[in-house]
């Protein structure tokens, strides 16, 4: 793990730090380099959609941001805090699993497959992390969780178990769970890919509502029309590198790079 990009640590809690700052990130599986020196900055409240072909490193990028995967090089900061490591002089030292879990409890993550606890009710799924990992009062968290479930349209299902819910309802629970952490950023990994086609729209509608809520969103998606509609910035990732990024109009309607044009010609 290389040192570097450590200058934003002192920005924490000053209100000037980006929601996400990725610098020089590299990640390999064996001899295969999945991420090749990624630099990405997401401002507070910004909505970034990440598009690209299968195997381009999109999901790995999210997992690296959340430190579900360790890095070979580079750094990730969330709201000014260095994730996964502690700086001592010019050297980075890995945090303990407990310390990483604590950091992760302040980063929202919505997975493809929902990842709900089947033995917990909807309400308990949403309140578990704020109570156990963040140490917040149960009464406060439950009140907020019920409001969040209302916000995503499933307030009446607070006492239901995940097995009783449709895929779209389960994904809305996962979104409420992420929001309950009060995170500076929520990461979405293909949030509609596991849904039946008729359920995709209801989940995208919920995410559209979040896009106006002030929380930074990083959304890996294959829904190009959705990316055009909600994103402030579109990032095209290919072979582990950011090939092109900019406004939806620039990247999706007038791409400069031949690789971006080729990809979009196949998915429109």
C-alpha atoms as a PDB file:
ATOM      1  CA  UNK A   1       0.000   0.000   0.000  1.00  0.00           C
ATOM      2  CA  UNK A   2       1.560   3.257  -1.075  1.00  0.00           C
ATOM      3  CA  UNK A   3       1.368   6.529   0.782  1.00  0.00           C
ATOM      4  CA  UNK A   4       0.037   9.627  -0.894  1.00  0.00           C
ATOM      5  CA  UNK A   5      -3.031  11.794  -1.217  1.00  0.00           C
ATOM      6  CA  UNK A   6      -3.010  12.393   2.507  1.00  0.00           C
ATOM      7  CA  UNK A   7      -3.486  16.128   2.447  1.00  0.00           C
ATOM      8  CA  UNK A   8      -7.266  16.024   2.871  1.00  0.00           C
ATOM      9  CA  UNK A   9      -7.256  14.366   6.290  1.00  0.00           C
ATOM     10  CA  UNK A  10      -7.187  17.697   8.069  1.00  0.00           C
ATOM     11  CA  UNK A  11     -10.260  18.842   6.112  1.00  0.00           C
ATOM     12  CA  UNK A  12     -12.501  16.578   8.159  1.00  0.00           C
ATOM     13  CA  UNK A  13     -15.423  18.366   9.829  1.00  0.00           C
ATOM     14  CA  UNK A  14     -14.445  21.686   8.253  1.00  0.00           C
ATOM     15  CA  UNK A  15     -17.223  21.459   5.674  1.00  0.00           C
ATOM     16  CA  UNK A  16     -14.723  21.832   2.825  1.00  0.00           C
ATOM     17  CA  UNK A  17     -13.907  18.168   2.171  1.00  0.00           C
ATOM     18  CA  UNK A  18     -15.496  16.347  -0.783  1.00  0.00           C
ATOM     19  CA  UNK A  19     -17.964  13.594   0.029  1.00  0.00           C
ATOM     20  CA  UNK A  20     -15.637  11.132  -1.743  1.00  0.00           C
ATOM     21  CA  UNK A  21     -12.051  11.544  -2.862  1.00  0.00           C
ATOM     22  CA  UNK A  22     -10.295   8.671  -4.628  1.00  0.00           C
ATOM     23  CA  UNK A  23      -6.669   9.180  -5.620  1.00  0.00           C
ATOM     24  CA  UNK A  24      -4.360   6.832  -7.492  1.00  0.00           C
ATOM     25  CA  UNK A  25      -6.350   3.728  -6.537  1.00  0.00           C
ATOM     26  CA  UNK A  26      -5.096   0.423  -7.856  1.00  0.00           C
ATOM     27  CA  UNK A  27      -6.599  -2.999  -7.212  1.00  0.00           C
ATOM     28  CA  UNK A  28      -5.581  -6.391  -8.594  1.00  0.00           C
ATOM     29  CA  UNK A  29      -6.803  -9.947  -8.332  1.00  0.00           C
ATOM     30  CA  UNK A  30      -3.722 -12.034  -8.914  1.00  0.00           C
ATOM     31  CA  UNK A  31      -2.080 -10.864 -12.118  1.00  0.00           C
ATOM     32  CA  UNK A  32      -5.229  -9.092 -13.310  1.00  0.00           C
ATOM     33  CA  UNK A  33      -5.265  -5.363 -12.523  1.00  0.00           C
ATOM     34  CA  UNK A  34      -8.928  -4.414 -12.079  1.00  0.00           C
ATOM     35  CA  UNK A  35      -8.447  -0.732 -11.189  1.00  0.00           C
ATOM     36  CA  UNK A  36      -5.565   1.167 -12.777  1.00  0.00           C
ATOM     37  CA  UNK A  37      -4.880   4.422 -10.983  1.00  0.00           C
ATOM     38  CA  UNK A  38      -8.403   5.757 -10.448  1.00  0.00           C
ATOM     39  CA  UNK A  39      -8.839   9.434  -9.523  1.00  0.00           C
ATOM     40  CA  UNK A  40     -12.367  10.528  -8.703  1.00  0.00           C
ATOM     41  CA  UNK A  41     -13.816  13.370  -6.630  1.00  0.00           C
ATOM     42  CA  UNK A  42     -17.486  13.548  -5.646  1.00  0.00           C
ATOM     43  CA  UNK A  43     -18.659  16.807  -4.110  1.00  0.00           C
ATOM     44  CA  UNK A  44     -21.130  16.970  -1.244  1.00  0.00           C
ATOM     45  CA  UNK A  45     -24.605  16.443  -2.659  1.00  0.00           C
ATOM     46  CA  UNK A  46     -23.330  15.479  -6.117  1.00  0.00           C
ATOM     47  CA  UNK A  47     -24.888  12.579  -8.053  1.00  0.00           C
ATOM     48  CA  UNK A  48     -22.350  10.550 -10.029  1.00  0.00           C
ATOM     49  CA  UNK A  49     -23.342   7.643 -12.247  1.00  0.00           C
ATOM     50  CA  UNK A  50     -20.697   5.118 -13.298  1.00  0.00           C
ATOM     51  CA  UNK A  51     -21.259   3.259 -16.553  1.00  0.00           C
ATOM     52  CA  UNK A  52     -19.165   0.840 -18.559  1.00  0.00           C
ATOM     53  CA  UNK A  53     -19.011  -2.718 -19.891  1.00  0.00           C
ATOM     54  CA  UNK A  54     -19.081  -5.805 -17.695  1.00  0.00           C
ATOM     55  CA  UNK A  55     -15.703  -6.437 -16.122  1.00  0.00           C
ATOM     56  CA  UNK A  56     -14.624  -2.802 -16.342  1.00  0.00           C
ATOM     57  CA  UNK A  57     -14.163  -2.495 -12.558  1.00  0.00           C
ATOM     58  CA  UNK A  58     -17.348  -0.605 -11.663  1.00  0.00           C
ATOM     59  CA  UNK A  59     -18.416  -2.781  -8.719  1.00  0.00           C
ATOM     60  CA  UNK A  60     -14.832  -3.149  -7.537  1.00  0.00           C
ATOM     61  CA  UNK A  61     -14.531   0.638  -7.414  1.00  0.00           C
ATOM     62  CA  UNK A  62     -17.505   0.841  -5.047  1.00  0.00           C
ATOM     63  CA  UNK A  63     -16.161  -1.961  -2.875  1.00  0.00           C
ATOM     64  CA  UNK A  64     -12.802  -0.204  -2.651  1.00  0.00           C
ATOM     65  CA  UNK A  65     -14.469   3.077  -1.643  1.00  0.00           C
ATOM     66  CA  UNK A  66     -16.262   1.223   1.161  1.00  0.00           C
ATOM     67  CA  UNK A  67     -13.088  -0.750   1.984  1.00  0.00           C
ATOM     68  CA  UNK A  68     -14.797  -4.064   1.354  1.00  0.00           C
ATOM     69  CA  UNK A  69     -11.692  -4.663  -0.763  1.00  0.00           C
ATOM     70  CA  UNK A  70      -8.175  -3.601   0.289  1.00  0.00           C
ATOM     71  CA  UNK A  71      -6.028  -1.470  -2.030  1.00  0.00           C
ATOM     72  CA  UNK A  72      -2.653  -2.083  -3.603  1.00  0.00           C
ATOM     73  CA  UNK A  73      -2.044   1.647  -3.970  1.00  0.00           C
ATOM     74  CA  UNK A  74      -3.761   4.984  -3.550  1.00  0.00           C
ATOM     75  CA  UNK A  75      -6.159   6.385  -0.973  1.00  0.00           C
ATOM     76  CA  UNK A  76      -9.862   6.868  -0.379  1.00  0.00           C
ATOM     77  CA  UNK A  77     -11.301   9.648   1.780  1.00  0.00           C
ATOM     78  CA  UNK A  78     -14.949   9.927   2.789  1.00  0.00           C
ATOM     79  CA  UNK A  79     -15.965  13.356   4.080  1.00  0.00           C
ATOM     80  CA  UNK A  80     -12.290  14.105   4.658  1.00  0.00           C
ATOM     81  CA  UNK A  81     -11.558  10.897   6.606  1.00  0.00           C
ATOM     82  CA  UNK A  82      -8.957   8.440   5.320  1.00  0.00           C
ATOM     83  CA  UNK A  83     -10.708   5.078   4.928  1.00  0.00           C
ATOM     84  CA  UNK A  84      -9.097   1.802   5.987  1.00  0.00           C
ATOM     85  CA  UNK A  85      -5.791   3.274   7.109  1.00  0.00           C
ATOM     86  CA  UNK A  86      -4.145   5.555   9.627  1.00  0.00           C
ATOM     87  CA  UNK A  87      -1.378   7.968   8.665  1.00  0.00           C
ATOM     88  CA  UNK A  88       1.763   8.023  10.783  1.00  0.00           C
ATOM     89  CA  UNK A  89       4.196  10.507   9.310  1.00  0.00           C
ATOM     90  CA  UNK A  90       4.479   9.419   5.668  1.00  0.00           C
ATOM     91  CA  UNK A  91       3.349   5.826   6.153  1.00  0.00           C
ATOM     92  CA  UNK A  92      -0.116   4.308   6.035  1.00  0.00           C
ATOM     93  CA  UNK A  93      -1.019   1.576   8.541  1.00  0.00           C
ATOM     94  CA  UNK A  94      -4.069  -0.649   8.121  1.00  0.00           C
ATOM     95  CA  UNK A  95      -6.861  -0.151  10.627  1.00  0.00           C
ATOM     96  CA  UNK A  96      -8.226  -3.074  12.615  1.00  0.00           C
ATOM     97  CA  UNK A  97     -11.384  -4.817  11.404  1.00  0.00           C
ATOM     98  CA  UNK A  98     -13.294  -3.164  14.239  1.00  0.00           C
ATOM     99  CA  UNK A  99     -12.097   0.298  13.227  1.00  0.00           C
ATOM    100  CA  UNK A 100     -12.979  -0.349   9.585  1.00  0.00           C
ATOM    101  CA  UNK A 101     -16.468  -1.534  10.538  1.00  0.00           C
ATOM    102  CA  UNK A 102     -16.958   1.679  12.481  1.00  0.00           C
ATOM    103  CA  UNK A 103     -15.942   3.745   9.442  1.00  0.00           C
ATOM    104  CA  UNK A 104     -18.185   1.650   7.208  1.00  0.00           C
ATOM    105  CA  UNK A 105     -21.149   2.371   9.480  1.00  0.00           C
ATOM    106  CA  UNK A 106     -21.071   5.943   8.139  1.00  0.00           C
ATOM    107  CA  UNK A 107     -21.069   4.952   4.446  1.00  0.00           C
ATOM    108  CA  UNK A 108     -24.322   3.902   2.798  1.00  0.00           C
ATOM    109  CA  UNK A 109     -24.154   0.912   0.449  1.00  0.00           C
ATOM    110  CA  UNK A 110     -27.056  -0.527  -1.552  1.00  0.00           C
ATOM    111  CA  UNK A 111     -26.161  -3.905  -3.030  1.00  0.00           C
ATOM    112  CA  UNK A 112     -27.502  -5.699  -6.098  1.00  0.00           C
ATOM    113  CA  UNK A 113     -28.953  -8.518  -4.012  1.00  0.00           C
ATOM    114  CA  UNK A 114     -30.433  -6.379  -1.186  1.00  0.00           C
ATOM    115  CA  UNK A 115     -28.425  -8.189   1.571  1.00  0.00           C
ATOM    116  CA  UNK A 116     -31.216  -7.921   4.141  1.00  0.00           C
ATOM    117  CA  UNK A 117     -31.162 -10.045   7.286  1.00  0.00           C
ATOM    118  CA  UNK A 118     -33.961 -12.596   6.747  1.00  0.00           C
ATOM    119  CA  UNK A 119     -34.568 -13.160  10.470  1.00  0.00           C
ATOM    120  CA  UNK A 120     -35.164  -9.450  11.179  1.00  0.00           C
ATOM    121  CA  UNK A 121     -38.237  -7.379  10.408  1.00  0.00           C
ATOM    122  CA  UNK A 122     -38.044  -4.499   7.975  1.00  0.00           C
ATOM    123  CA  UNK A 123     -37.809  -2.023  10.840  1.00  0.00           C
ATOM    124  CA  UNK A 124     -35.081  -4.014  12.589  1.00  0.00           C
ATOM    125  CA  UNK A 125     -33.070  -4.240   9.354  1.00  0.00           C
ATOM    126  CA  UNK A 126     -33.143  -0.455   9.090  1.00  0.00           C
ATOM    127  CA  UNK A 127     -32.349   0.271  12.746  1.00  0.00           C
ATOM    128  CA  UNK A 128     -29.664  -2.348  13.393  1.00  0.00           C
ATOM    129  CA  UNK A 129     -26.559  -0.435  12.270  1.00  0.00           C
ATOM    130  CA  UNK A 130     -27.470   3.009  13.680  1.00  0.00           C
ATOM    131  CA  UNK A 131     -28.108   1.409  17.083  1.00  0.00           C
ATOM    132  CA  UNK A 132     -25.354  -1.220  17.262  1.00  0.00           C
ATOM    133  CA  UNK A 133     -22.579   0.382  15.183  1.00  0.00           C
ATOM    134  CA  UNK A 134     -23.253   4.086  15.708  1.00  0.00           C
ATOM    135  CA  UNK A 135     -24.514   3.809  19.271  1.00  0.00           C
ATOM    136  CA  UNK A 136     -27.541   6.034  18.737  1.00  0.00           C
ATOM    137  CA  UNK A 137     -30.618   5.850  21.030  1.00  0.00           C
ATOM    138  CA  UNK A 138     -33.144   3.209  19.966  1.00  0.00           C
ATOM    139  CA  UNK A 139     -36.191   5.456  20.298  1.00  0.00           C
ATOM    140  CA  UNK A 140     -34.647   8.151  18.115  1.00  0.00           C
ATOM    141  CA  UNK A 141     -33.479   5.646  15.500  1.00  0.00           C
ATOM    142  CA  UNK A 142     -36.828   3.847  15.310  1.00  0.00           C
ATOM    143  CA  UNK A 143     -38.692   7.124  14.880  1.00  0.00           C
ATOM    144  CA  UNK A 144     -36.340   8.147  12.088  1.00  0.00           C
ATOM    145  CA  UNK A 145     -36.483   4.690  10.477  1.00  0.00           C
ATOM    146  CA  UNK A 146     -40.279   4.758  10.306  1.00  0.00           C
ATOM    147  CA  UNK A 147     -40.108   8.141   8.611  1.00  0.00           C
ATOM    148  CA  UNK A 148     -37.579   6.780   6.111  1.00  0.00           C
ATOM    149  CA  UNK A 149     -39.765   3.768   5.346  1.00  0.00           C
ATOM    150  CA  UNK A 150     -42.629   6.171   4.679  1.00  0.00           C
ATOM    151  CA  UNK A 151     -40.320   8.186   2.457  1.00  0.00           C
ATOM    152  CA  UNK A 152     -39.528   5.166   0.263  1.00  0.00           C
ATOM    153  CA  UNK A 153     -43.170   4.101   0.179  1.00  0.00           C
ATOM    154  CA  UNK A 154     -43.236   1.041   2.434  1.00  0.00           C
ATOM    155  CA  UNK A 155     -44.118   2.430   5.853  1.00  0.00           C
ATOM    156  CA  UNK A 156     -46.925  -0.122   6.214  1.00  0.00           C
ATOM    157  CA  UNK A 157     -44.418  -2.982   5.964  1.00  0.00           C
ATOM    158  CA  UNK A 158     -42.296  -2.101   9.011  1.00  0.00           C
ATOM    159  CA  UNK A 159     -43.203  -5.327  10.816  1.00  0.00           C
ATOM    160  CA  UNK A 160     -42.911  -7.617   7.792  1.00  0.00           C
ATOM    161  CA  UNK A 161     -40.025  -9.990   7.123  1.00  0.00           C
ATOM    162  CA  UNK A 162     -37.969  -9.774   3.903  1.00  0.00           C
ATOM    163  CA  UNK A 163     -39.276 -13.102   2.560  1.00  0.00           C
ATOM    164  CA  UNK A 164     -42.754 -11.556   2.373  1.00  0.00           C
ATOM    165  CA  UNK A 165     -41.600  -8.659   0.189  1.00  0.00           C
ATOM    166  CA  UNK A 166     -41.164  -8.281  -3.543  1.00  0.00           C
ATOM    167  CA  UNK A 167     -37.707  -7.569  -4.906  1.00  0.00           C
ATOM    168  CA  UNK A 168     -38.613  -3.919  -5.377  1.00  0.00           C
ATOM    169  CA  UNK A 169     -39.818  -3.656  -1.801  1.00  0.00           C
ATOM    170  CA  UNK A 170     -36.671  -5.330  -0.496  1.00  0.00           C
ATOM    171  CA  UNK A 171     -34.506  -2.903  -2.419  1.00  0.00           C
ATOM    172  CA  UNK A 172     -36.451   0.011  -0.960  1.00  0.00           C
ATOM    173  CA  UNK A 173     -35.766  -1.395   2.517  1.00  0.00           C
ATOM    174  CA  UNK A 174     -32.065  -1.498   1.589  1.00  0.00           C
ATOM    175  CA  UNK A 175     -32.212   2.150   0.525  1.00  0.00           C
ATOM    176  CA  UNK A 176     -33.925   3.149   3.785  1.00  0.00           C
ATOM    177  CA  UNK A 177     -31.262   1.204   5.694  1.00  0.00           C
ATOM    178  CA  UNK A 178     -28.528   3.140   3.917  1.00  0.00           C
ATOM    179  CA  UNK A 179     -30.235   6.463   4.625  1.00  0.00           C
ATOM    180  CA  UNK A 180     -30.608   5.582   8.315  1.00  0.00           C
ATOM    181  CA  UNK A 181     -26.824   5.841   8.691  1.00  0.00           C
ATOM    182  CA  UNK A 182     -27.029   9.573   7.901  1.00  0.00           C
ATOM    183  CA  UNK A 183     -24.083   9.076   5.535  1.00  0.00           C
ATOM    184  CA  UNK A 184     -22.324  11.755   3.486  1.00  0.00           C
ATOM    185  CA  UNK A 185     -22.500   9.351   0.529  1.00  0.00           C
ATOM    186  CA  UNK A 186     -24.549   6.361  -0.573  1.00  0.00           C
ATOM    187  CA  UNK A 187     -23.024   3.853  -3.004  1.00  0.00           C
ATOM    188  CA  UNK A 188     -25.390   1.942  -5.295  1.00  0.00           C
ATOM    189  CA  UNK A 189     -24.133  -1.189  -7.048  1.00  0.00           C
ATOM    190  CA  UNK A 190     -26.494  -1.883  -9.973  1.00  0.00           C
ATOM    191  CA  UNK A 191     -29.540  -1.383  -7.730  1.00  0.00           C
ATOM    192  CA  UNK A 192     -32.018  -2.660 -10.345  1.00  0.00           C
ATOM    193  CA  UNK A 193     -30.100  -5.575 -11.843  1.00  0.00           C
ATOM    194  CA  UNK A 194     -31.711  -8.219  -9.589  1.00  0.00           C
ATOM    195  CA  UNK A 195     -35.252  -6.941 -10.130  1.00  0.00           C
ATOM    196  CA  UNK A 196     -37.953  -8.151 -12.465  1.00  0.00           C
ATOM    197  CA  UNK A 197     -38.401  -5.589 -15.262  1.00  0.00           C
ATOM    198  CA  UNK A 198     -41.766  -4.380 -13.970  1.00  0.00           C
ATOM    199  CA  UNK A 199     -40.186  -3.495 -10.597  1.00  0.00           C
ATOM    200  CA  UNK A 200     -37.272  -1.463 -11.933  1.00  0.00           C
ATOM    201  CA  UNK A 201     -39.266   1.748 -12.264  1.00  0.00           C
ATOM    202  CA  UNK A 202     -40.364   1.877  -8.626  1.00  0.00           C
ATOM    203  CA  UNK A 203     -36.791   1.628  -7.349  1.00  0.00           C
ATOM    204  CA  UNK A 204     -35.507   4.186  -9.839  1.00  0.00           C
ATOM    205  CA  UNK A 205     -38.274   6.547  -8.710  1.00  0.00           C
ATOM    206  CA  UNK A 206     -37.024   6.283  -5.115  1.00  0.00           C
ATOM    207  CA  UNK A 207     -33.440   7.024  -6.182  1.00  0.00           C
ATOM    208  CA  UNK A 208     -34.649   9.990  -8.239  1.00  0.00           C
ATOM    209  CA  UNK A 209     -36.125  11.380  -5.043  1.00  0.00           C
ATOM    210  CA  UNK A 210     -32.836  10.915  -3.209  1.00  0.00           C
ATOM    211  CA  UNK A 211     -30.966  12.795  -5.915  1.00  0.00           C
ATOM    212  CA  UNK A 212     -32.588  16.017  -4.701  1.00  0.00           C
ATOM    213  CA  UNK A 213     -31.945  15.325  -1.023  1.00  0.00           C
ATOM    214  CA  UNK A 214     -28.404  16.642  -0.524  1.00  0.00           C
ATOM    215  CA  UNK A 215     -26.643  13.319   0.059  1.00  0.00           C
ATOM    216  CA  UNK A 216     -23.904  12.475  -2.450  1.00  0.00           C
ATOM    217  CA  UNK A 217     -24.786   9.422  -4.555  1.00  0.00           C
ATOM    218  CA  UNK A 218     -22.443   7.202  -6.565  1.00  0.00           C
ATOM    219  CA  UNK A 219     -24.538   4.897  -8.720  1.00  0.00           C
ATOM    220  CA  UNK A 220     -23.188   2.065 -10.841  1.00  0.00           C
ATOM    221  CA  UNK A 221     -25.903   1.460 -13.419  1.00  0.00           C
ATOM    222  CA  UNK A 222     -26.622   0.066 -16.848  1.00  0.00           C
ATOM    223  CA  UNK A 223     -29.738   2.257 -17.154  1.00  0.00           C
ATOM    224  CA  UNK A 224     -28.411   4.906 -19.534  1.00  0.00           C
ATOM    225  CA  UNK A 225     -31.630   6.914 -19.640  1.00  0.00           C
ATOM    226  CA  UNK A 226     -31.690   7.029 -15.849  1.00  0.00           C
ATOM    227  CA  UNK A 227     -28.039   8.108 -15.763  1.00  0.00           C
ATOM    228  CA  UNK A 228     -28.830  10.955 -18.142  1.00  0.00           C
ATOM    229  CA  UNK A 229     -31.800  12.057 -16.030  1.00  0.00           C
ATOM    230  CA  UNK A 230     -30.369  12.048 -12.499  1.00  0.00           C
ATOM    231  CA  UNK A 231     -26.596  12.518 -12.790  1.00  0.00           C
ATOM    232  CA  UNK A 232     -24.617  15.665 -12.304  1.00  0.00           C
ATOM    233  CA  UNK A 233     -21.577  13.757 -13.591  1.00  0.00           C
ATOM    234  CA  UNK A 234     -21.311  10.600 -15.684  1.00  0.00           C
ATOM    235  CA  UNK A 235     -18.139   8.498 -15.453  1.00  0.00           C
ATOM    236  CA  UNK A 236     -17.326   5.967 -18.169  1.00  0.00           C
ATOM    237  CA  UNK A 237     -15.069   3.215 -16.847  1.00  0.00           C
ATOM    238  CA  UNK A 238     -13.343   0.717 -19.136  1.00  0.00           C
ATOM    239  CA  UNK A 239     -10.653  -1.858 -18.380  1.00  0.00           C
ATOM    240  CA  UNK A 240     -10.114  -0.422 -14.916  1.00  0.00           C
ATOM    241  CA  UNK A 241      -9.576   3.189 -15.979  1.00  0.00           C
ATOM    242  CA  UNK A 242     -11.749   6.284 -16.255  1.00  0.00           C
ATOM    243  CA  UNK A 243     -11.877   6.920 -19.984  1.00  0.00           C
ATOM    244  CA  UNK A 244     -14.214   9.888 -19.929  1.00  0.00           C
ATOM    245  CA  UNK A 245     -16.240  11.902 -17.426  1.00  0.00           C
ATOM    246  CA  UNK A 246     -18.384  14.993 -17.537  1.00  0.00           C
ATOM    247  CA  UNK A 247     -21.984  16.149 -17.695  1.00  0.00           C
ATOM    248  CA  UNK A 248     -24.609  13.724 -19.065  1.00  0.00           C
ATOM    249  CA  UNK A 249     -24.919  15.900 -22.165  1.00  0.00           C
ATOM    250  CA  UNK A 250     -21.178  15.719 -22.775  1.00  0.00           C
ATOM    251  CA  UNK A 251     -20.547  12.028 -22.061  1.00  0.00           C
ATOM    252  CA  UNK A 252     -23.807  10.451 -23.210  1.00  0.00           C
ATOM    253  CA  UNK A 253     -24.793  12.721 -26.092  1.00  0.00           C
ATOM    254  CA  UNK A 254     -21.433  13.983 -27.353  1.00  0.00           C
ATOM    255  CA  UNK A 255     -18.719  11.574 -26.157  1.00  0.00           C
ATOM    256  CA  UNK A 256     -15.189  12.431 -27.208  1.00  0.00           C
ATOM    257  CA  UNK A 257     -13.490   9.060 -26.761  1.00  0.00           C
ATOM    258  CA  UNK A 258     -13.998   6.321 -29.408  1.00  0.00           C
ATOM    259  CA  UNK A 259     -14.363   3.699 -26.665  1.00  0.00           C
ATOM    260  CA  UNK A 260     -17.230   5.634 -25.074  1.00  0.00           C
ATOM    261  CA  UNK A 261     -18.945   6.047 -28.434  1.00  0.00           C
ATOM    262  CA  UNK A 262     -18.606   2.325 -29.177  1.00  0.00           C
ATOM    263  CA  UNK A 263     -20.050   1.341 -25.808  1.00  0.00           C
ATOM    264  CA  UNK A 264     -23.010   3.710 -26.048  1.00  0.00           C
ATOM    265  CA  UNK A 265     -23.819   2.566 -29.574  1.00  0.00           C
ATOM    266  CA  UNK A 266     -24.426  -0.938 -28.202  1.00  0.00           C
ATOM    267  CA  UNK A 267     -26.527  -0.043 -25.152  1.00  0.00           C
ATOM    268  CA  UNK A 268     -28.861   2.684 -26.372  1.00  0.00           C
END
